[in-house]
Amino acid sequence: SSGINAEYGDLTAYYTELAIADKRYRDAMLVKCHSRCSRSTLSESNHVYFLSLVNAEKCTRKCMKNIFGEPLQLPLWVIKDFKSREPYSFLQYSYYKTERLAAALEAARVHLKYNPDSDMMQKNVRYYSSVAEDISLPHEQLDSSETFKLGMQKYSGGEYSISTHLFNLSLSLYMTEIGRCKTLCETGFDQYINRKIPNLEDTNTFYEQFVKLYHTVMECRYKCVYKFDKKIESTEDYL
């Protein structure tokens, strides 16, 4: 029975790792496609922001289809689960069943980071920390806030050269994260329920479409700064 559990644990971990890697690659390609399409369509539309958004969206969908084929878009429940890092919940348990406790600890930490109110994952992290050697096997690259906090630790310890490097890196990561977030705000790909590309030939609803799309994009871009700044709880002003 334990052998069967271990076998299924290995398979679950293997396919979950593949899914996480695939989603990470897909997101990277979406940002790349839309960034390239935004640059090319801006000049074509004579700097008309609304037209550039629509044309960039069409271009992005074509670009993604050329890379991945059908289906173009992921189900919303899949997008939601990946945003909340739900796959790491399955991953940590699979590692546990196969006695890879150090890896289970790191996977549990990732899930807890995005679900801080999860009592179950808090207990799991405490348990893994008590029985596993903390050898630091990060499943995700440190983000700007984590890098900043690490820099603060080094600074407090008098390691100023290392802290300077970490502070510079955290600012660079922060700008990359903000830029990526704002880029994704401009594309309806995978982001909004039943969102369709506006019909530029429908003059009766053109203004309504413009206001709705512009408001959606601007609201999303505004939230980008708060999205990343709110992770910093140890300082009053991160920047």
C-alpha atoms as a PDB file:
ATOM      1  CA  SER A   1       0.000   0.000   0.000  1.00  0.00           C
ATOM      2  CA  SER A   2       2.817   2.412   0.880  1.00  0.00           C
ATOM      3  CA  GLY A   3       4.502   1.554  -2.412  1.00  0.00           C
ATOM      4  CA  ILE A   4       1.348   2.371  -4.349  1.00  0.00           C
ATOM      5  CA  ASN A   5       0.941   5.660  -2.465  1.00  0.00           C
ATOM      6  CA  ALA A   6       4.542   6.573  -3.208  1.00  0.00           C
ATOM      7  CA  GLU A   7       4.081   5.763  -6.890  1.00  0.00           C
ATOM      8  CA  TYR A   8       0.980   7.946  -7.161  1.00  0.00           C
ATOM      9  CA  GLY A   9       2.767  10.634  -5.169  1.00  0.00           C
ATOM     10  CA  ASP A  10       5.643  10.617  -7.645  1.00  0.00           C
ATOM     11  CA  LEU A  11       3.274  10.836 -10.613  1.00  0.00           C
ATOM     12  CA  THR A  12       1.240  13.632  -9.031  1.00  0.00           C
ATOM     13  CA  ALA A  13       4.371  15.620  -8.215  1.00  0.00           C
ATOM     14  CA  TYR A  14       5.745  15.057 -11.735  1.00  0.00           C
ATOM     15  CA  TYR A  15       2.629  16.258 -13.538  1.00  0.00           C
ATOM     16  CA  THR A  16       2.047  19.142 -11.105  1.00  0.00           C
ATOM     17  CA  GLU A  17       5.610  20.339 -11.668  1.00  0.00           C
ATOM     18  CA  LEU A  18       5.021  20.136 -15.426  1.00  0.00           C
ATOM     19  CA  ALA A  19       1.780  22.114 -15.112  1.00  0.00           C
ATOM     20  CA  ILE A  20       3.475  24.852 -13.075  1.00  0.00           C
ATOM     21  CA  ALA A  21       6.353  25.088 -15.546  1.00  0.00           C
ATOM     22  CA  ASP A  22       3.950  25.131 -18.502  1.00  0.00           C
ATOM     23  CA  LYS A  23       1.823  27.901 -16.970  1.00  0.00           C
ATOM     24  CA  ARG A  24       4.935  29.945 -16.196  1.00  0.00           C
ATOM     25  CA  TYR A  25       6.102  29.593 -19.812  1.00  0.00           C
ATOM     26  CA  ARG A  26       2.645  30.435 -21.139  1.00  0.00           C
ATOM     27  CA  ASP A  27       2.482  33.609 -19.048  1.00  0.00           C
ATOM     28  CA  ALA A  28       5.929  34.627 -20.258  1.00  0.00           C
ATOM     29  CA  MET A  29       4.853  34.135 -23.879  1.00  0.00           C
ATOM     30  CA  LEU A  30       1.673  36.156 -23.286  1.00  0.00           C
ATOM     31  CA  VAL A  31       3.687  39.086 -21.956  1.00  0.00           C
ATOM     32  CA  LYS A  32       6.149  38.764 -24.844  1.00  0.00           C
ATOM     33  CA  CYS A  33       3.368  38.587 -27.445  1.00  0.00           C
ATOM     34  CA  HIS A  34       1.447  41.535 -26.079  1.00  0.00           C
ATOM     35  CA  SER A  35       4.546  43.683 -25.547  1.00  0.00           C
ATOM     36  CA  ARG A  36       5.603  43.113 -29.142  1.00  0.00           C
ATOM     37  CA  CYS A  37       2.073  43.665 -30.448  1.00  0.00           C
ATOM     38  CA  SER A  38       1.675  46.867 -28.426  1.00  0.00           C
ATOM     39  CA  ARG A  39       4.807  48.356 -29.972  1.00  0.00           C
ATOM     40  CA  SER A  40       3.822  47.410 -33.515  1.00  0.00           C
ATOM     41  CA  THR A  41       0.199  48.550 -33.322  1.00  0.00           C
ATOM     42  CA  LEU A  42       0.894  51.886 -31.639  1.00  0.00           C
ATOM     43  CA  SER A  43       2.400  53.395 -34.773  1.00  0.00           C
ATOM     44  CA  GLU A  44      -0.236  51.785 -36.988  1.00  0.00           C
ATOM     45  CA  SER A  45      -3.047  53.460 -35.094  1.00  0.00           C
ATOM     46  CA  ASN A  46      -1.444  56.905 -34.994  1.00  0.00           C
ATOM     47  CA  HIS A  47      -1.153  56.844 -31.219  1.00  0.00           C
ATOM     48  CA  VAL A  48      -4.899  56.515 -30.700  1.00  0.00           C
ATOM     49  CA  TYR A  49      -4.927  54.626 -27.424  1.00  0.00           C
ATOM     50  CA  PHE A  50      -8.238  52.822 -27.829  1.00  0.00           C
ATOM     51  CA  LEU A  51      -7.460  51.626 -31.342  1.00  0.00           C
ATOM     52  CA  SER A  52      -3.996  50.507 -30.269  1.00  0.00           C
ATOM     53  CA  LEU A  53      -5.504  48.403 -27.458  1.00  0.00           C
ATOM     54  CA  VAL A  54      -7.940  46.695 -29.801  1.00  0.00           C
ATOM     55  CA  ASN A  55      -5.362  46.048 -32.498  1.00  0.00           C
ATOM     56  CA  ALA A  56      -2.824  44.834 -29.959  1.00  0.00           C
ATOM     57  CA  GLU A  57      -5.432  42.430 -28.576  1.00  0.00           C
ATOM     58  CA  LYS A  58      -6.095  40.971 -32.021  1.00  0.00           C
ATOM     59  CA  CYS A  59      -2.366  40.667 -32.610  1.00  0.00           C
ATOM     60  CA  THR A  60      -1.836  39.022 -29.211  1.00  0.00           C
ATOM     61  CA  ARG A  61      -4.482  36.385 -29.832  1.00  0.00           C
ATOM     62  CA  LYS A  62      -2.963  35.579 -33.206  1.00  0.00           C
ATOM     63  CA  CYS A  63       0.515  35.383 -31.673  1.00  0.00           C
ATOM     64  CA  MET A  64      -0.631  33.046 -28.897  1.00  0.00           C
ATOM     65  CA  LYS A  65      -2.505  30.865 -31.369  1.00  0.00           C
ATOM     66  CA  ASN A  66       0.632  30.541 -33.497  1.00  0.00           C
ATOM     67  CA  ILE A  67       2.589  29.381 -30.453  1.00  0.00           C
ATOM     68  CA  PHE A  68       0.073  27.172 -28.658  1.00  0.00           C
ATOM     69  CA  GLY A  69      -2.715  26.493 -31.140  1.00  0.00           C
ATOM     70  CA  GLU A  70      -6.165  25.664 -29.771  1.00  0.00           C
ATOM     71  CA  PRO A  71      -7.658  26.171 -27.254  1.00  0.00           C
ATOM     72  CA  LEU A  72      -6.638  29.804 -27.070  1.00  0.00           C
ATOM     73  CA  GLN A  73      -7.750  30.573 -23.534  1.00  0.00           C
ATOM     74  CA  LEU A  74      -7.609  28.709 -20.241  1.00  0.00           C
ATOM     75  CA  PRO A  75     -10.741  27.998 -18.162  1.00  0.00           C
ATOM     76  CA  LEU A  76     -11.271  30.672 -15.516  1.00  0.00           C
ATOM     77  CA  TRP A  77     -11.053  28.141 -12.670  1.00  0.00           C
ATOM     78  CA  VAL A  78      -7.572  27.160 -13.851  1.00  0.00           C
ATOM     79  CA  ILE A  79      -6.466  30.813 -13.923  1.00  0.00           C
ATOM     80  CA  LYS A  80      -7.886  31.365 -10.439  1.00  0.00           C
ATOM     81  CA  ASP A  81      -6.156  28.273  -9.017  1.00  0.00           C
ATOM     82  CA  PHE A  82      -2.777  29.265 -10.418  1.00  0.00           C
ATOM     83  CA  LYS A  83      -3.118  32.831  -9.117  1.00  0.00           C
ATOM     84  CA  SER A  84      -3.738  31.479  -5.611  1.00  0.00           C
ATOM     85  CA  ARG A  85      -0.928  28.914  -6.083  1.00  0.00           C
ATOM     86  CA  GLU A  86      -3.338  26.047  -5.445  1.00  0.00           C
ATOM     87  CA  PRO A  87      -1.137  23.545  -7.360  1.00  0.00           C
ATOM     88  CA  TYR A  88       1.435  23.905  -4.575  1.00  0.00           C
ATOM     89  CA  SER A  89      -1.093  22.469  -2.134  1.00  0.00           C
ATOM     90  CA  PHE A  90      -1.164  19.246  -4.152  1.00  0.00           C
ATOM     91  CA  LEU A  91       2.576  19.415  -4.686  1.00  0.00           C
ATOM     92  CA  GLN A  92       3.473  19.675  -1.002  1.00  0.00           C
ATOM     93  CA  TYR A  93       1.272  16.688  -0.176  1.00  0.00           C
ATOM     94  CA  SER A  94       2.793  14.645  -3.013  1.00  0.00           C
ATOM     95  CA  TYR A  95       6.270  15.437  -1.722  1.00  0.00           C
ATOM     96  CA  TYR A  96       5.147  14.437   1.757  1.00  0.00           C
ATOM     97  CA  LYS A  97       3.833  11.083   0.532  1.00  0.00           C
ATOM     98  CA  THR A  98       7.156  10.395  -1.184  1.00  0.00           C
ATOM     99  CA  GLU A  99       9.156  11.512   1.880  1.00  0.00           C
ATOM    100  CA  ARG A 100      10.709  14.550   0.186  1.00  0.00           C
ATOM    101  CA  LEU A 101      10.113  16.703   3.218  1.00  0.00           C
ATOM    102  CA  ALA A 102      12.470  19.567   2.368  1.00  0.00           C
ATOM    103  CA  ALA A 103      10.722  20.013  -0.982  1.00  0.00           C
ATOM    104  CA  ALA A 104       7.346  19.705   0.766  1.00  0.00           C
ATOM    105  CA  LEU A 105       8.363  22.504   3.133  1.00  0.00           C
ATOM    106  CA  GLU A 106       9.187  24.881   0.280  1.00  0.00           C
ATOM    107  CA  ALA A 107       6.008  24.030  -1.646  1.00  0.00           C
ATOM    108  CA  ALA A 108       3.937  24.606   1.491  1.00  0.00           C
ATOM    109  CA  ARG A 109       5.641  27.969   2.034  1.00  0.00           C
ATOM    110  CA  VAL A 110       4.740  29.093  -1.481  1.00  0.00           C
ATOM    111  CA  HIS A 111       1.098  28.164  -0.972  1.00  0.00           C
ATOM    112  CA  LEU A 112       1.008  29.837   2.446  1.00  0.00           C
ATOM    113  CA  LYS A 113       2.496  33.028   1.032  1.00  0.00           C
ATOM    114  CA  TYR A 114      -0.547  33.464  -1.214  1.00  0.00           C
ATOM    115  CA  ASN A 115      -3.006  31.971   1.290  1.00  0.00           C
ATOM    116  CA  PRO A 116      -1.835  33.343   4.657  1.00  0.00           C
ATOM    117  CA  ASP A 117      -5.126  32.505   6.390  1.00  0.00           C
ATOM    118  CA  SER A 118      -4.912  28.790   5.643  1.00  0.00           C
ATOM    119  CA  ASP A 119      -4.786  27.041   9.018  1.00  0.00           C
ATOM    120  CA  MET A 120      -3.998  23.729   7.369  1.00  0.00           C
ATOM    121  CA  MET A 121      -0.966  25.072   5.507  1.00  0.00           C
ATOM    122  CA  GLN A 122       0.274  26.895   8.601  1.00  0.00           C
ATOM    123  CA  LYS A 123       0.235  23.575  10.443  1.00  0.00           C
ATOM    124  CA  ASN A 124       1.950  21.855   7.524  1.00  0.00           C
ATOM    125  CA  VAL A 125       4.759  24.432   7.453  1.00  0.00           C
ATOM    126  CA  ARG A 126       5.296  24.050  11.199  1.00  0.00           C
ATOM    127  CA  TYR A 127       5.381  20.284  10.883  1.00  0.00           C
ATOM    128  CA  TYR A 128       7.771  20.225   7.932  1.00  0.00           C
ATOM    129  CA  SER A 129      10.016  22.765   9.653  1.00  0.00           C
ATOM    130  CA  SER A 130      10.280  20.473  12.677  1.00  0.00           C
ATOM    131  CA  VAL A 131      11.206  17.323  10.735  1.00  0.00           C
ATOM    132  CA  ALA A 132      12.933  18.518   7.554  1.00  0.00           C
ATOM    133  CA  GLU A 133      16.275  20.179   7.012  1.00  0.00           C
ATOM    134  CA  ASP A 134      15.733  23.680   5.657  1.00  0.00           C
ATOM    135  CA  ILE A 135      18.015  23.534   2.622  1.00  0.00           C
ATOM    136  CA  SER A 136      16.230  26.290   0.696  1.00  0.00           C
ATOM    137  CA  LEU A 137      14.828  24.793  -2.491  1.00  0.00           C
ATOM    138  CA  PRO A 138      12.776  27.721  -3.791  1.00  0.00           C
ATOM    139  CA  HIS A 139      10.019  26.712  -6.212  1.00  0.00           C
ATOM    140  CA  GLU A 140       9.667  30.308  -7.351  1.00  0.00           C
ATOM    141  CA  GLN A 141      12.159  33.100  -7.854  1.00  0.00           C
ATOM    142  CA  LEU A 142      12.260  35.586  -5.000  1.00  0.00           C
ATOM    143  CA  ASP A 143      10.054  38.571  -5.754  1.00  0.00           C
ATOM    144  CA  SER A 144      10.875  42.202  -5.011  1.00  0.00           C
ATOM    145  CA  SER A 145       9.434  42.220  -1.487  1.00  0.00           C
ATOM    146  CA  GLU A 146      11.244  39.024  -0.464  1.00  0.00           C
ATOM    147  CA  THR A 147      14.503  40.333  -1.915  1.00  0.00           C
ATOM    148  CA  PHE A 148      14.016  43.623  -0.069  1.00  0.00           C
ATOM    149  CA  LYS A 149      13.378  41.834   3.235  1.00  0.00           C
ATOM    150  CA  LEU A 150      16.495  39.716   2.706  1.00  0.00           C
ATOM    151  CA  GLY A 151      18.425  42.922   2.060  1.00  0.00           C
ATOM    152  CA  MET A 152      17.095  44.351   5.324  1.00  0.00           C
ATOM    153  CA  GLN A 153      18.351  41.281   7.176  1.00  0.00           C
ATOM    154  CA  LYS A 154      21.811  41.661   5.672  1.00  0.00           C
ATOM    155  CA  TYR A 155      21.789  45.387   6.420  1.00  0.00           C
ATOM    156  CA  SER A 156      20.894  44.745  10.064  1.00  0.00           C
ATOM    157  CA  GLY A 157      23.732  42.240  10.239  1.00  0.00           C
ATOM    158  CA  GLY A 158      26.243  44.774   8.956  1.00  0.00           C
ATOM    159  CA  GLU A 159      26.680  43.069   5.575  1.00  0.00           C
ATOM    160  CA  TYR A 160      26.386  46.318   3.642  1.00  0.00           C
ATOM    161  CA  SER A 161      27.881  45.178   0.352  1.00  0.00           C
ATOM    162  CA  ILE A 162      25.415  42.290   0.054  1.00  0.00           C
ATOM    163  CA  SER A 163      22.513  44.424   1.243  1.00  0.00           C
ATOM    164  CA  THR A 164      23.307  47.081  -1.396  1.00  0.00           C
ATOM    165  CA  HIS A 165      23.175  44.438  -4.108  1.00  0.00           C
ATOM    166  CA  LEU A 166      19.877  43.068  -2.774  1.00  0.00           C
ATOM    167  CA  PHE A 167      18.292  46.525  -2.510  1.00  0.00           C
ATOM    168  CA  ASN A 168      19.251  47.316  -6.113  1.00  0.00           C
ATOM    169  CA  LEU A 169      17.941  43.933  -7.213  1.00  0.00           C
ATOM    170  CA  SER A 170      14.663  44.412  -5.342  1.00  0.00           C
ATOM    171  CA  LEU A 171      14.047  47.736  -7.113  1.00  0.00           C
ATOM    172  CA  SER A 172      14.810  46.170 -10.487  1.00  0.00           C
ATOM    173  CA  LEU A 173      12.455  43.274  -9.750  1.00  0.00           C
ATOM    174  CA  TYR A 174       9.795  45.697  -8.547  1.00  0.00           C
ATOM    175  CA  MET A 175       9.838  47.657 -11.797  1.00  0.00           C
ATOM    176  CA  THR A 176       9.739  44.417 -13.796  1.00  0.00           C
ATOM    177  CA  GLU A 177       6.759  43.163 -11.774  1.00  0.00           C
ATOM    178  CA  ILE A 178       4.883  46.440 -12.164  1.00  0.00           C
ATOM    179  CA  GLY A 179       5.611  46.542 -15.893  1.00  0.00           C
ATOM    180  CA  ARG A 180       4.473  42.966 -16.377  1.00  0.00           C
ATOM    181  CA  CYS A 181       1.297  43.588 -14.395  1.00  0.00           C
ATOM    182  CA  LYS A 182       0.434  46.698 -16.422  1.00  0.00           C
ATOM    183  CA  THR A 183       1.138  44.873 -19.669  1.00  0.00           C
ATOM    184  CA  LEU A 184      -1.265  42.092 -18.737  1.00  0.00           C
ATOM    185  CA  CYS A 185      -3.881  44.714 -17.816  1.00  0.00           C
ATOM    186  CA  GLU A 186      -4.019  45.786 -21.447  1.00  0.00           C
ATOM    187  CA  THR A 187      -4.906  42.376 -22.794  1.00  0.00           C
ATOM    188  CA  GLY A 188      -8.214  40.615 -22.322  1.00  0.00           C
ATOM    189  CA  PHE A 189      -6.472  37.313 -22.905  1.00  0.00           C
ATOM    190  CA  ASP A 190      -7.185  35.081 -19.887  1.00  0.00           C
ATOM    191  CA  GLN A 191      -8.041  38.064 -17.712  1.00  0.00           C
ATOM    192  CA  TYR A 192     -11.748  38.853 -17.852  1.00  0.00           C
ATOM    193  CA  ILE A 193     -14.923  36.787 -17.970  1.00  0.00           C
ATOM    194  CA  ASN A 194     -16.483  36.637 -21.462  1.00  0.00           C
ATOM    195  CA  ARG A 195     -14.514  39.648 -22.620  1.00  0.00           C
ATOM    196  CA  LYS A 196     -14.668  40.123 -26.385  1.00  0.00           C
ATOM    197  CA  ILE A 197     -12.654  42.304 -28.691  1.00  0.00           C
ATOM    198  CA  PRO A 198     -14.611  45.522 -29.332  1.00  0.00           C
ATOM    199  CA  ASN A 199     -16.206  45.825 -32.752  1.00  0.00           C
ATOM    200  CA  LEU A 200     -14.753  48.958 -34.317  1.00  0.00           C
ATOM    201  CA  GLU A 201     -17.421  48.944 -37.052  1.00  0.00           C
ATOM    202  CA  ASP A 202     -20.270  49.265 -34.549  1.00  0.00           C
ATOM    203  CA  THR A 203     -20.464  53.047 -34.384  1.00  0.00           C
ATOM    204  CA  ASN A 204     -23.579  52.993 -32.185  1.00  0.00           C
ATOM    205  CA  THR A 205     -21.726  51.482 -29.225  1.00  0.00           C
ATOM    206  CA  PHE A 206     -18.236  52.761 -29.981  1.00  0.00           C
ATOM    207  CA  TYR A 207     -18.228  55.348 -27.169  1.00  0.00           C
ATOM    208  CA  GLU A 208     -19.660  52.867 -24.670  1.00  0.00           C
ATOM    209  CA  GLN A 209     -17.025  50.321 -25.640  1.00  0.00           C
ATOM    210  CA  PHE A 210     -14.274  52.899 -25.336  1.00  0.00           C
ATOM    211  CA  VAL A 211     -15.300  53.986 -21.829  1.00  0.00           C
ATOM    212  CA  LYS A 212     -15.697  50.424 -20.610  1.00  0.00           C
ATOM    213  CA  LEU A 213     -12.380  49.228 -22.015  1.00  0.00           C
ATOM    214  CA  TYR A 214     -10.435  52.322 -20.948  1.00  0.00           C
ATOM    215  CA  HIS A 215     -11.899  52.174 -17.424  1.00  0.00           C
ATOM    216  CA  THR A 216     -11.113  48.460 -17.102  1.00  0.00           C
ATOM    217  CA  VAL A 217      -7.519  48.910 -18.197  1.00  0.00           C
ATOM    218  CA  MET A 218      -6.882  51.991 -16.052  1.00  0.00           C
ATOM    219  CA  GLU A 219      -8.437  50.409 -12.955  1.00  0.00           C
ATOM    220  CA  CYS A 220      -6.335  47.302 -13.407  1.00  0.00           C
ATOM    221  CA  ARG A 221      -3.125  49.287 -13.941  1.00  0.00           C
ATOM    222  CA  TYR A 222      -3.839  51.401 -10.850  1.00  0.00           C
ATOM    223  CA  LYS A 223      -4.165  48.258  -8.750  1.00  0.00           C
ATOM    224  CA  CYS A 224      -0.764  46.997  -9.885  1.00  0.00           C
ATOM    225  CA  VAL A 225       1.139  49.294  -7.527  1.00  0.00           C
ATOM    226  CA  TYR A 226      -1.038  48.359  -4.553  1.00  0.00           C
ATOM    227  CA  LYS A 227      -0.805  44.690  -5.481  1.00  0.00           C
ATOM    228  CA  PHE A 228       2.939  44.651  -4.936  1.00  0.00           C
ATOM    229  CA  ASP A 229       3.301  47.372  -2.307  1.00  0.00           C
ATOM    230  CA  LYS A 230       0.872  45.692   0.095  1.00  0.00           C
ATOM    231  CA  LYS A 231       3.300  42.783   0.539  1.00  0.00           C
ATOM    232  CA  ILE A 232       5.660  45.105   2.358  1.00  0.00           C
ATOM    233  CA  GLU A 233       4.381  45.274   5.907  1.00  0.00           C
ATOM    234  CA  SER A 234       7.644  45.966   7.713  1.00  0.00           C
ATOM    235  CA  THR A 235       8.148  49.465   6.268  1.00  0.00           C
ATOM    236  CA  GLU A 236       5.952  52.510   5.844  1.00  0.00           C
ATOM    237  CA  ASP A 237       7.193  53.361   2.386  1.00  0.00           C
ATOM    238  CA  TYR A 238       8.835  50.599   0.369  1.00  0.00           C
ATOM    239  CA  LEU A 239      10.201  52.855  -2.354  1.00  0.00           C
END
